Amino acid sequence: MMLLKVLKMMGGALAPYMFGILLMTASLRGFMVVKAFLIRDVFAWLEEMDEGGLASVILQNLAVGCVLLLVYIFTSYVYKIASKRGVMNLKNVVYAKILRLPMCYFADNGSGDLISRVFYDMGQTSDIYEAKFRRLVAPIISAAVYFGVMLYMNVPLALGLFAANLLAMLLNARYIGKTRRLRRGISAMNAVMTEQLNNVIGGMGIVKIFGIGGQLAAAYSRDNDELVRRQKKDARLTGELDSVNTFFDFFCSFAFLCLGVWFVARGEATLGVLAAIYSLYGDFSSQFLLVCKYLPSLSGCLVSAERIFALLDEKEEADPVALPPVEENFAVEMRGVTFGYDEQRQILQNFSMQIEPNAVTAITGPSGRGKSTLGKLLLGFYLPASGGVYIGGHSIGELGLSKARELVAYVPQEPYIFNVTLGENIRYGRPDATDAEVIQAAKFANAHNFIMQRPEGYEAPAGERGSFLSGGEKQRIAIARAILKDAPILLLDEATSALDNANERMVQNALNNLMRDKTTIMIAHRSTSIANADQVVKI
């Protein structure tokens, strides 16, 4: 059951969470129970006129009320802290899961869908902890408390009221399935529209240059109309539900008056008991209506929870226990590798390549032949359909992905710059590096000068995806990051492609010094980039 899966995600916070809801609700409803007994006793006093007895009853009820207030304050605090911990646990689990997903997941699923899950669906699922579950359970607890008190006062009257309210709840339950289907469709449309918005923001330059804003706006408007249509159906269904609840509220009030008068007339209930039960009746009846109201709402949140757990159930990147470290042999070999991003088109077929340790190997060839794909296979982003990739005579599967990636420093063709400071972007190459080591890596990559030209220096922000940097500056930050990692294998995928001739010469000189004691794989088109290669592999 999805609700149980959601609650189990709270871990150690689940017990205090349930404890808090139970006692917080019971203590809050306890005030109504105290009032009901006080009303009953006042009516009894009016019949007997015992002033001493009335004072004793009032003092007892005041004492109970004070205790209930203290219990409510404490358990309310426990509940709120536990719900926040539950949300925190869920967010941490989802974030960690995303980091363990294989690269093929991100290739097969749009970023908009993932963003929609993380923000919209995560928000809806978190709302289960923070409100929706309590709003459903609290009326059930409250109704149980009231029903127990009413049974104590008058069994037949309590049973009659319970039957009437149960009928209302059962009729409302028929809306749950419809609501769930509608909320599932609304969640799916939110994912589609988030994907569209993400595409527009990421490609705003292309949108403006090619003048396709109107076309994209029309497509977004059509999807928005569909979303509104589904939301209207959801609102109409909610309105029907409210109408049913209002009718049964009137019906139950009428039923109570009829039953109450009948029992008093037959002498099966006193006027004091009738008044006491009536003081509870309104709140008792509303608890059933609240269950009917919040059950579809919780059901809608569970639709989002299904999408979150579908993400958590995705196959993770396999990372077996690594072999002992590869000792001084960082030769890279590909043996009979066959690979394609889809089954219909194989980019590499039975491809083999031997890269000697501590040598520079350049890989060249026409676009689309798989040069960058070789790098992705070496990094374990994808697994070949057949054959294997080996480092030091061990397959990547034997080494383990984490260990294999520790051995490789990577500069991609399109470097990703995080929205943090320039210094932090470089330090991601080795998080425990000192400031001096970060600066030295930047100097090797010819990045130090342009960094220091900024007023904040290494504390200057890079902007989203490096929006505050030029293409060449992004490339040099990425090179500095790889230099700082100081891995024995260096993978350069068009690492100097965004540099002008002057900067390329300076960075190439720094790379030449860096590559002396490393196994270097250089994917390149420019003849200047491969001039100093020990071997050239054409594919």
Foldseek 3Di string as FASTA:
>chain_A
DLVVVLLVLLPPLNVLQVVLLLLLLLLVLVLLLLVLVLLLVVVVCVVVVDVVVNVVSVVVSVVSNVVSVVSNVVSVVSNQVSLVSSLVSLLVLLVVLVVFAFLLVPVVDFPLLVVLLNPVLSVLSSCCSVPLVSLQVSLVSSLVSLLVSLCVQANVLSVQLVVLLVVLLVVLVVCQVVLLVLLLVLSVLSSVLSSLVVVCVVPVVVCVVVVCPVVSVVVSVVSVVVNVVSVVVNVVSLVVLVVSLVVSLVVSVVSSVVVLVVCVVVVNHPPSSSVSSVSVSNSSSVSSSSNSNSSSVNSSSSSSSVVSVVSVPDDGQDFDDADPDQPLFFKKKWAQFWADSDPVDILDGGDIDTFGWLFEEEEEEDPSNQLVVVVCQQLVSDDTPDTFMDTNRHGCNRRTNVNSNLQEQEQAPQAFAAFFFLLVLLCVLPVVDDPVLLLVLLVLLVQQVVQVVDPVRRRHTLHHRSPVDDRQNSLSSSSSSSLSSLHQEYEYACSRVRPDPVSSVSNLVSVVVSSNRHRYYHYDDDCVNCVRGPYYHYD
